[in-house]
Amino acid sequence: MAQVMAMIQRKGGATISEIMKAMSWQRYTVRGFVAGAMKKAGCMVESFKPEGGERTYRINGITLLHWPAPHCRGGLSCFCATVGPS
């Protein structure tokens, strides 16, 4: 999961194909991860498709919903809460 986070934090983000290849995931798994886990963790993920290009995701900012989280042990929610847009 941290690998996906690093990829979409890049200035240009990461295409769905790049994430699929890096994680050995199917297209629907990438979409589900972005729509579910990342957004629930407070990450504002931007999804866009450049003209003639491929669906791309990038972190657009951070929403701190419950910080500091008493259950935080370095998981996804902690990671999202500490990063900003590149």
PDB file of N, CA and C in Angstrom:
ATOM      1  N   MET A   1       0.810  -1.191   0.000  1.00  0.00           N
ATOM      2  CA  MET A   1       0.000   0.000   0.000  1.00  0.00           C
ATOM      3  C   MET A   1       0.862   1.267   0.000  1.00  0.00           C
ATOM      4  N   ALA A   2       1.952   1.250   0.750  1.00  0.00           N
ATOM      5  CA  ALA A   2       2.835   2.414   0.783  1.00  0.00           C
ATOM      6  C   ALA A   2       3.427   2.687  -0.598  1.00  0.00           C
ATOM      7  N   GLN A   3       3.629   1.627  -1.373  1.00  0.00           N
ATOM      8  CA  GLN A   3       4.163   1.805  -2.724  1.00  0.00           C
ATOM      9  C   GLN A   3       3.178   2.578  -3.592  1.00  0.00           C
ATOM     10  N   VAL A   4       1.894   2.280  -3.471  1.00  0.00           N
ATOM     11  CA  VAL A   4       0.871   3.005  -4.229  1.00  0.00           C
ATOM     12  C   VAL A   4       0.845   4.456  -3.774  1.00  0.00           C
ATOM     13  N   MET A   5       0.919   4.669  -2.463  1.00  0.00           N
ATOM     14  CA  MET A   5       0.928   6.038  -1.933  1.00  0.00           C
ATOM     15  C   MET A   5       2.088   6.828  -2.516  1.00  0.00           C
ATOM     16  N   ALA A   6       3.261   6.238  -2.556  1.00  0.00           N
ATOM     17  CA  ALA A   6       4.429   6.931  -3.101  1.00  0.00           C
ATOM     18  C   ALA A   6       4.231   7.260  -4.575  1.00  0.00           C
ATOM     19  N   MET A   7       3.630   6.346  -5.299  1.00  0.00           N
ATOM     20  CA  MET A   7       3.418   6.561  -6.730  1.00  0.00           C
ATOM     21  C   MET A   7       2.456   7.716  -6.989  1.00  0.00           C
ATOM     22  N   ILE A   8       1.366   7.769  -6.249  1.00  0.00           N
ATOM     23  CA  ILE A   8       0.377   8.815  -6.537  1.00  0.00           C
ATOM     24  C   ILE A   8       0.734  10.154  -5.898  1.00  0.00           C
ATOM     25  N   GLN A   9       1.772  10.172  -5.075  1.00  0.00           N
ATOM     26  CA  GLN A   9       2.243  11.443  -4.530  1.00  0.00           C
ATOM     27  C   GLN A   9       3.141  12.183  -5.509  1.00  0.00           C
ATOM     28  N   ARG A  10       3.605  11.501  -6.544  1.00  0.00           N
ATOM     29  CA  ARG A  10       4.446  12.175  -7.533  1.00  0.00           C
ATOM     30  C   ARG A  10       3.661  13.316  -8.170  1.00  0.00           C
ATOM     31  N   LYS A  11       4.360  14.317  -8.622  1.00  0.00           N
ATOM     32  CA  LYS A  11       3.713  15.496  -9.200  1.00  0.00           C
ATOM     33  C   LYS A  11       2.706  15.136 -10.288  1.00  0.00           C
ATOM     34  N   GLY A  12       3.066  14.217 -11.166  1.00  0.00           N
ATOM     35  CA  GLY A  12       2.170  13.809 -12.243  1.00  0.00           C
ATOM     36  C   GLY A  12       1.252  12.665 -11.867  1.00  0.00           C
ATOM     37  N   GLY A  13       1.374  12.171 -10.640  1.00  0.00           N
ATOM     38  CA  GLY A  13       0.556  11.051 -10.204  1.00  0.00           C
ATOM     39  C   GLY A  13       1.026   9.744 -10.817  1.00  0.00           C
ATOM     40  N   ALA A  14       0.132   8.770 -10.872  1.00  0.00           N
ATOM     41  CA  ALA A  14       0.429   7.459 -11.441  1.00  0.00           C
ATOM     42  C   ALA A  14      -0.769   6.992 -12.241  1.00  0.00           C
ATOM     43  N   THR A  15      -0.501   6.415 -13.389  1.00  0.00           N
ATOM     44  CA  THR A  15      -1.596   5.887 -14.194  1.00  0.00           C
ATOM     45  C   THR A  15      -2.094   4.588 -13.582  1.00  0.00           C
ATOM     46  N   ILE A  16      -3.297   4.244 -13.944  1.00  0.00           N
ATOM     47  CA  ILE A  16      -3.880   3.009 -13.442  1.00  0.00           C
ATOM     48  C   ILE A  16      -3.037   1.811 -13.883  1.00  0.00           C
ATOM     49  N   SER A  17      -2.475   1.865 -15.092  1.00  0.00           N
ATOM     50  CA  SER A  17      -1.619   0.769 -15.578  1.00  0.00           C
ATOM     51  C   SER A  17      -0.332   0.652 -14.780  1.00  0.00           C
ATOM     52  N   GLU A  18       0.261   1.791 -14.399  1.00  0.00           N
ATOM     53  CA  GLU A  18       1.479   1.758 -13.586  1.00  0.00           C
ATOM     54  C   GLU A  18       1.214   1.103 -12.238  1.00  0.00           C
ATOM     55  N   ILE A  19       0.087   1.443 -11.640  1.00  0.00           N
ATOM     56  CA  ILE A  19      -0.262   0.864 -10.342  1.00  0.00           C
ATOM     57  C   ILE A  19      -0.557  -0.621 -10.501  1.00  0.00           C
ATOM     58  N   MET A  20      -1.295  -0.980 -11.553  1.00  0.00           N
ATOM     59  CA  MET A  20      -1.604  -2.389 -11.804  1.00  0.00           C
ATOM     60  C   MET A  20      -0.322  -3.210 -11.933  1.00  0.00           C
ATOM     61  N   LYS A  21       0.626  -2.704 -12.679  1.00  0.00           N
ATOM     62  CA  LYS A  21       1.876  -3.432 -12.904  1.00  0.00           C
ATOM     63  C   LYS A  21       2.687  -3.554 -11.608  1.00  0.00           C
ATOM     64  N   ALA A  22       2.819  -2.441 -10.880  1.00  0.00           N
ATOM     65  CA  ALA A  22       3.635  -2.430  -9.665  1.00  0.00           C
ATOM     66  C   ALA A  22       3.067  -3.344  -8.580  1.00  0.00           C
ATOM     67  N   MET A  23       1.751  -3.440  -8.497  1.00  0.00           N
ATOM     68  CA  MET A  23       1.114  -4.182  -7.417  1.00  0.00           C
ATOM     69  C   MET A  23       0.569  -5.542  -7.850  1.00  0.00           C
ATOM     70  N   SER A  24       0.641  -5.829  -9.137  1.00  0.00           N
ATOM     71  CA  SER A  24       0.035  -7.055  -9.683  1.00  0.00           C
ATOM     72  C   SER A  24      -1.462  -7.102  -9.367  1.00  0.00           C
ATOM     73  N   TRP A  25      -2.113  -5.960  -9.517  1.00  0.00           N
ATOM     74  CA  TRP A  25      -3.546  -5.830  -9.259  1.00  0.00           C
ATOM     75  C   TRP A  25      -4.298  -5.759 -10.572  1.00  0.00           C
ATOM     76  N   GLN A  26      -5.593  -6.046 -10.498  1.00  0.00           N
ATOM     77  CA  GLN A  26      -6.500  -5.844 -11.613  1.00  0.00           C
ATOM     78  C   GLN A  26      -6.983  -4.390 -11.576  1.00  0.00           C
ATOM     79  N   ARG A  27      -7.522  -3.938 -12.693  1.00  0.00           N
ATOM     80  CA  ARG A  27      -8.027  -2.556 -12.795  1.00  0.00           C
ATOM     81  C   ARG A  27      -9.045  -2.251 -11.692  1.00  0.00           C
ATOM     82  N   TYR A  28      -9.978  -3.167 -11.451  1.00  0.00           N
ATOM     83  CA  TYR A  28     -11.022  -2.934 -10.450  1.00  0.00           C
ATOM     84  C   TYR A  28     -10.439  -2.844  -9.038  1.00  0.00           C
ATOM     85  N   THR A  29      -9.321  -3.513  -8.784  1.00  0.00           N
ATOM     86  CA  THR A  29      -8.685  -3.448  -7.470  1.00  0.00           C
ATOM     87  C   THR A  29      -8.081  -2.073  -7.236  1.00  0.00           C
ATOM     88  N   VAL A  30      -7.460  -1.514  -8.267  1.00  0.00           N
ATOM     89  CA  VAL A  30      -6.897  -0.160  -8.156  1.00  0.00           C
ATOM     90  C   VAL A  30      -8.017   0.834  -7.874  1.00  0.00           C
ATOM     91  N   ARG A  31      -9.078   0.764  -8.647  1.00  0.00           N
ATOM     92  CA  ARG A  31     -10.201   1.695  -8.452  1.00  0.00           C
ATOM     93  C   ARG A  31     -10.795   1.546  -7.057  1.00  0.00           C
ATOM     94  N   GLY A  32     -10.938   0.310  -6.601  1.00  0.00           N
ATOM     95  CA  GLY A  32     -11.489   0.079  -5.270  1.00  0.00           C
ATOM     96  C   GLY A  32     -10.594   0.600  -4.165  1.00  0.00           C
ATOM     97  N   PHE A  33      -9.295   0.423  -4.319  1.00  0.00           N
ATOM     98  CA  PHE A  33      -8.346   0.925  -3.326  1.00  0.00           C
ATOM     99  C   PHE A  33      -8.414   2.446  -3.236  1.00  0.00           C
ATOM    100  N   VAL A  34      -8.434   3.099  -4.377  1.00  0.00           N
ATOM    101  CA  VAL A  34      -8.478   4.560  -4.396  1.00  0.00           C
ATOM    102  C   VAL A  34      -9.803   5.066  -3.833  1.00  0.00           C
ATOM    103  N   ALA A  35     -10.901   4.488  -4.295  1.00  0.00           N
ATOM    104  CA  ALA A  35     -12.227   4.949  -3.868  1.00  0.00           C
ATOM    105  C   ALA A  35     -12.530   4.573  -2.422  1.00  0.00           C
ATOM    106  N   GLY A  36     -11.982   3.480  -1.962  1.00  0.00           N
ATOM    107  CA  GLY A  36     -12.292   3.014  -0.616  1.00  0.00           C
ATOM    108  C   GLY A  36     -11.256   3.396   0.413  1.00  0.00           C
ATOM    109  N   ALA A  37     -10.189   2.642   0.447  1.00  0.00           N
ATOM    110  CA  ALA A  37      -9.185   2.778   1.507  1.00  0.00           C
ATOM    111  C   ALA A  37      -8.561   4.167   1.572  1.00  0.00           C
ATOM    112  N   MET A  38      -8.193   4.714   0.444  1.00  0.00           N
ATOM    113  CA  MET A  38      -7.496   6.004   0.465  1.00  0.00           C
ATOM    114  C   MET A  38      -8.417   7.136   0.888  1.00  0.00           C
ATOM    115  N   LYS A  39      -9.615   7.164   0.366  1.00  0.00           N
ATOM    116  CA  LYS A  39     -10.542   8.234   0.731  1.00  0.00           C
ATOM    117  C   LYS A  39     -10.993   8.101   2.181  1.00  0.00           C
ATOM    118  N   LYS A  40     -11.211   6.870   2.637  1.00  0.00           N
ATOM    119  CA  LYS A  40     -11.591   6.658   4.036  1.00  0.00           C
ATOM    120  C   LYS A  40     -10.474   7.075   4.973  1.00  0.00           C
ATOM    121  N   ALA A  41      -9.231   6.982   4.510  1.00  0.00           N
ATOM    122  CA  ALA A  41      -8.083   7.374   5.323  1.00  0.00           C
ATOM    123  C   ALA A  41      -7.887   8.887   5.345  1.00  0.00           C
ATOM    124  N   GLY A  42      -8.677   9.614   4.571  1.00  0.00           N
ATOM    125  CA  GLY A  42      -8.590  11.072   4.568  1.00  0.00           C
ATOM    126  C   GLY A  42      -7.786  11.650   3.435  1.00  0.00           C
ATOM    127  N   CYS A  43      -7.324  10.829   2.524  1.00  0.00           N
ATOM    128  CA  CYS A  43      -6.563  11.323   1.381  1.00  0.00           C
ATOM    129  C   CYS A  43      -7.517  11.844   0.313  1.00  0.00           C
ATOM    130  N   MET A  44      -7.262  13.024  -0.176  1.00  0.00           N
ATOM    131  CA  MET A  44      -8.059  13.573  -1.262  1.00  0.00           C
ATOM    132  C   MET A  44      -7.366  13.183  -2.561  1.00  0.00           C
ATOM    133  N   VAL A  45      -7.900  12.187  -3.222  1.00  0.00           N
ATOM    134  CA  VAL A  45      -7.282  11.660  -4.429  1.00  0.00           C
ATOM    135  C   VAL A  45      -7.976  12.247  -5.645  1.00  0.00           C
ATOM    136  N   GLU A  46      -7.187  12.825  -6.520  1.00  0.00           N
ATOM    137  CA  GLU A  46      -7.700  13.382  -7.765  1.00  0.00           C
ATOM    138  C   GLU A  46      -7.563  12.323  -8.854  1.00  0.00           C
ATOM    139  N   SER A  47      -8.626  12.144  -9.606  1.00  0.00           N
ATOM    140  CA  SER A  47      -8.622  11.217 -10.732  1.00  0.00           C
ATOM    141  C   SER A  47      -8.866  12.035 -11.992  1.00  0.00           C
ATOM    142  N   PHE A  48      -7.998  11.871 -12.970  1.00  0.00           N
ATOM    143  CA  PHE A  48      -8.173  12.625 -14.213  1.00  0.00           C
ATOM    144  C   PHE A  48      -7.685  11.800 -15.392  1.00  0.00           C
ATOM    145  N   LYS A  49      -8.162  12.170 -16.558  1.00  0.00           N
ATOM    146  CA  LYS A  49      -7.764  11.476 -17.775  1.00  0.00           C
ATOM    147  C   LYS A  49      -7.367  12.530 -18.799  1.00  0.00           C
ATOM    148  N   PRO A  50      -6.053  12.693 -19.007  1.00  0.00           N
ATOM    149  CA  PRO A  50      -5.597  13.681 -19.988  1.00  0.00           C
ATOM    150  C   PRO A  50      -6.115  13.313 -21.377  1.00  0.00           C
ATOM    151  N   GLU A  51      -6.292  14.311 -22.206  1.00  0.00           N
ATOM    152  CA  GLU A  51      -6.769  14.061 -23.568  1.00  0.00           C
ATOM    153  C   GLU A  51      -5.847  13.070 -24.271  1.00  0.00           C
ATOM    154  N   GLY A  52      -6.424  11.986 -24.737  1.00  0.00           N
ATOM    155  CA  GLY A  52      -5.647  10.953 -25.407  1.00  0.00           C
ATOM    156  C   GLY A  52      -4.800  10.120 -24.466  1.00  0.00           C
ATOM    157  N   GLY A  53      -4.946  10.340 -23.160  1.00  0.00           N
ATOM    158  CA  GLY A  53      -4.121   9.622 -22.184  1.00  0.00           C
ATOM    159  C   GLY A  53      -4.901   8.595 -21.405  1.00  0.00           C
ATOM    160  N   GLU A  54      -4.335   8.176 -20.310  1.00  0.00           N
ATOM    161  CA  GLU A  54      -4.904   7.127 -19.482  1.00  0.00           C
ATOM    162  C   GLU A  54      -5.315   7.680 -18.123  1.00  0.00           C
ATOM    163  N   ARG A  55      -6.294   7.042 -17.503  1.00  0.00           N
ATOM    164  CA  ARG A  55      -6.753   7.420 -16.166  1.00  0.00           C
ATOM    165  C   ARG A  55      -5.557   7.507 -15.230  1.00  0.00           C
ATOM    166  N   THR A  56      -5.458   8.623 -14.518  1.00  0.00           N
ATOM    167  CA  THR A  56      -4.329   8.887 -13.634  1.00  0.00           C
ATOM    168  C   THR A  56      -4.855   9.334 -12.272  1.00  0.00           C
ATOM    169  N   TYR A  57      -4.179   8.921 -11.218  1.00  0.00           N
ATOM    170  CA  TYR A  57      -4.537   9.309  -9.854  1.00  0.00           C
ATOM    171  C   TYR A  57      -3.377  10.060  -9.231  1.00  0.00           C
ATOM    172  N   ARG A  58      -3.712  11.061  -8.409  1.00  0.00           N
ATOM    173  CA  ARG A  58      -2.689  11.736  -7.608  1.00  0.00           C
ATOM    174  C   ARG A  58      -3.333  12.307  -6.360  1.00  0.00           C
ATOM    175  N   ILE A  59      -2.512  12.458  -5.351  1.00  0.00           N
ATOM    176  CA  ILE A  59      -3.006  13.054  -4.102  1.00  0.00           C
ATOM    177  C   ILE A  59      -3.080  14.551  -4.312  1.00  0.00           C
ATOM    178  N   ASN A  60      -4.255  15.088  -4.028  1.00  0.00           N
ATOM    179  CA  ASN A  60      -4.526  16.494  -4.279  1.00  0.00           C
ATOM    180  C   ASN A  60      -4.466  17.318  -3.007  1.00  0.00           C
ATOM    181  N   GLY A  61      -4.381  16.681  -1.862  1.00  0.00           N
ATOM    182  CA  GLY A  61      -4.341  17.388  -0.593  1.00  0.00           C
ATOM    183  C   GLY A  61      -4.695  16.436   0.527  1.00  0.00           C
ATOM    184  N   ILE A  62      -4.789  16.950   1.724  1.00  0.00           N
ATOM    185  CA  ILE A  62      -5.034  16.110   2.885  1.00  0.00           C
ATOM    186  C   ILE A  62      -6.171  16.692   3.711  1.00  0.00           C
ATOM    187  N   THR A  63      -7.045  15.841   4.162  1.00  0.00           N
ATOM    188  CA  THR A  63      -8.090  16.221   5.095  1.00  0.00           C
ATOM    189  C   THR A  63      -7.810  15.487   6.396  1.00  0.00           C
ATOM    190  N   LEU A  64      -7.590  16.219   7.455  1.00  0.00           N
ATOM    191  CA  LEU A  64      -7.333  15.590   8.752  1.00  0.00           C
ATOM    192  C   LEU A  64      -8.660  15.486   9.493  1.00  0.00           C
ATOM    193  N   LEU A  65      -9.204  14.289   9.550  1.00  0.00           N
ATOM    194  CA  LEU A  65     -10.504  14.089  10.167  1.00  0.00           C
ATOM    195  C   LEU A  65     -10.408  13.820  11.661  1.00  0.00           C
ATOM    196  N   HIS A  66      -9.547  12.931  12.049  1.00  0.00           N
ATOM    197  CA  HIS A  66      -9.414  12.533  13.454  1.00  0.00           C
ATOM    198  C   HIS A  66      -7.927  12.435  13.774  1.00  0.00           C
ATOM    199  N   TRP A  67      -7.309  13.521  14.104  1.00  0.00           N
ATOM    200  CA  TRP A  67      -5.872  13.498  14.355  1.00  0.00           C
ATOM    201  C   TRP A  67      -5.569  14.162  15.668  1.00  0.00           C
ATOM    202  N   PRO A  68      -4.741  13.613  16.532  1.00  0.00           N
ATOM    203  CA  PRO A  68      -4.047  12.339  16.337  1.00  0.00           C
ATOM    204  C   PRO A  68      -4.981  11.172  16.618  1.00  0.00           C
ATOM    205  N   ALA A  69      -4.850  10.149  15.852  1.00  0.00           N
ATOM    206  CA  ALA A  69      -5.672   8.950  16.030  1.00  0.00           C
ATOM    207  C   ALA A  69      -5.028   8.071  17.094  1.00  0.00           C
ATOM    208  N   PRO A  70      -5.756   7.759  18.164  1.00  0.00           N
ATOM    209  CA  PRO A  70      -5.164   6.957  19.226  1.00  0.00           C
ATOM    210  C   PRO A  70      -4.762   5.557  18.772  1.00  0.00           C
ATOM    211  N   HIS A  71      -5.400   5.040  17.728  1.00  0.00           N
ATOM    212  CA  HIS A  71      -5.093   3.701  17.228  1.00  0.00           C
ATOM    213  C   HIS A  71      -3.960   3.702  16.204  1.00  0.00           C
ATOM    214  N   CYS A  72      -3.417   4.858  15.893  1.00  0.00           N
ATOM    215  CA  CYS A  72      -2.419   4.999  14.836  1.00  0.00           C
ATOM    216  C   CYS A  72      -1.133   4.254  15.189  1.00  0.00           C
ATOM    217  N   ARG A  73      -0.779   3.319  14.336  1.00  0.00           N
ATOM    218  CA  ARG A  73       0.456   2.562  14.511  1.00  0.00           C
ATOM    219  C   ARG A  73       1.237   2.535  13.199  1.00  0.00           C
ATOM    220  N   GLY A  74       1.125   3.610  12.415  1.00  0.00           N
ATOM    221  CA  GLY A  74       1.863   3.668  11.161  1.00  0.00           C
ATOM    222  C   GLY A  74       1.093   3.102   9.987  1.00  0.00           C
ATOM    223  N   GLY A  75      -0.196   2.886  10.140  1.00  0.00           N
ATOM    224  CA  GLY A  75      -1.009   2.355   9.050  1.00  0.00           C
ATOM    225  C   GLY A  75      -1.327   3.415   8.016  1.00  0.00           C
ATOM    226  N   LEU A  76      -2.205   3.069   7.096  1.00  0.00           N
ATOM    227  CA  LEU A  76      -2.543   3.957   5.983  1.00  0.00           C
ATOM    228  C   LEU A  76      -3.090   5.284   6.451  1.00  0.00           C
ATOM    229  N   SER A  77      -3.968   5.286   7.466  1.00  0.00           N
ATOM    230  CA  SER A  77      -4.559   6.542   7.913  1.00  0.00           C
ATOM    231  C   SER A  77      -3.507   7.471   8.487  1.00  0.00           C
ATOM    232  N   CYS A  78      -2.516   6.923   9.169  1.00  0.00           N
ATOM    233  CA  CYS A  78      -1.434   7.742   9.731  1.00  0.00           C
ATOM    234  C   CYS A  78      -0.588   8.323   8.596  1.00  0.00           C
ATOM    235  N   PHE A  79      -0.334   7.510   7.604  1.00  0.00           N
ATOM    236  CA  PHE A  79       0.484   7.933   6.472  1.00  0.00           C
ATOM    237  C   PHE A  79      -0.192   9.075   5.720  1.00  0.00           C
ATOM    238  N   CYS A  80      -1.475   8.935   5.463  1.00  0.00           N
ATOM    239  CA  CYS A  80      -2.206   9.959   4.735  1.00  0.00           C
ATOM    240  C   CYS A  80      -2.241  11.269   5.503  1.00  0.00           C
ATOM    241  N   ALA A  81      -2.316  11.162   6.806  1.00  0.00           N
ATOM    242  CA  ALA A  81      -2.441  12.358   7.622  1.00  0.00           C
ATOM    243  C   ALA A  81      -1.146  13.149   7.697  1.00  0.00           C
ATOM    244  N   THR A  82      -0.042  12.568   7.264  1.00  0.00           N
ATOM    245  CA  THR A  82       1.241  13.245   7.411  1.00  0.00           C
ATOM    246  C   THR A  82       1.849  13.696   6.096  1.00  0.00           C
ATOM    247  N   VAL A  83       1.169  13.473   4.981  1.00  0.00           N
ATOM    248  CA  VAL A  83       1.749  13.861   3.705  1.00  0.00           C
ATOM    249  C   VAL A  83       0.959  15.015   3.104  1.00  0.00           C
ATOM    250  N   GLY A  84       1.601  15.729   2.212  1.00  0.00           N
ATOM    251  CA  GLY A  84       0.948  16.796   1.486  1.00  0.00           C
ATOM    252  C   GLY A  84       1.169  16.625   0.008  1.00  0.00           C
ATOM    253  N   PRO A  85       0.541  17.464  -0.789  1.00  0.00           N
ATOM    254  CA  PRO A  85       0.721  17.346  -2.222  1.00  0.00           C
ATOM    255  C   PRO A  85       2.141  17.639  -2.628  1.00  0.00           C
ATOM    256  N   SER A  86       2.613  16.968  -3.649  1.00  0.00           N
ATOM    257  CA  SER A  86       3.995  17.174  -4.119  1.00  0.00           C
ATOM    258  C   SER A  86       4.073  18.357  -5.047  1.00  0.00           C
TER     259      SER A  86
END
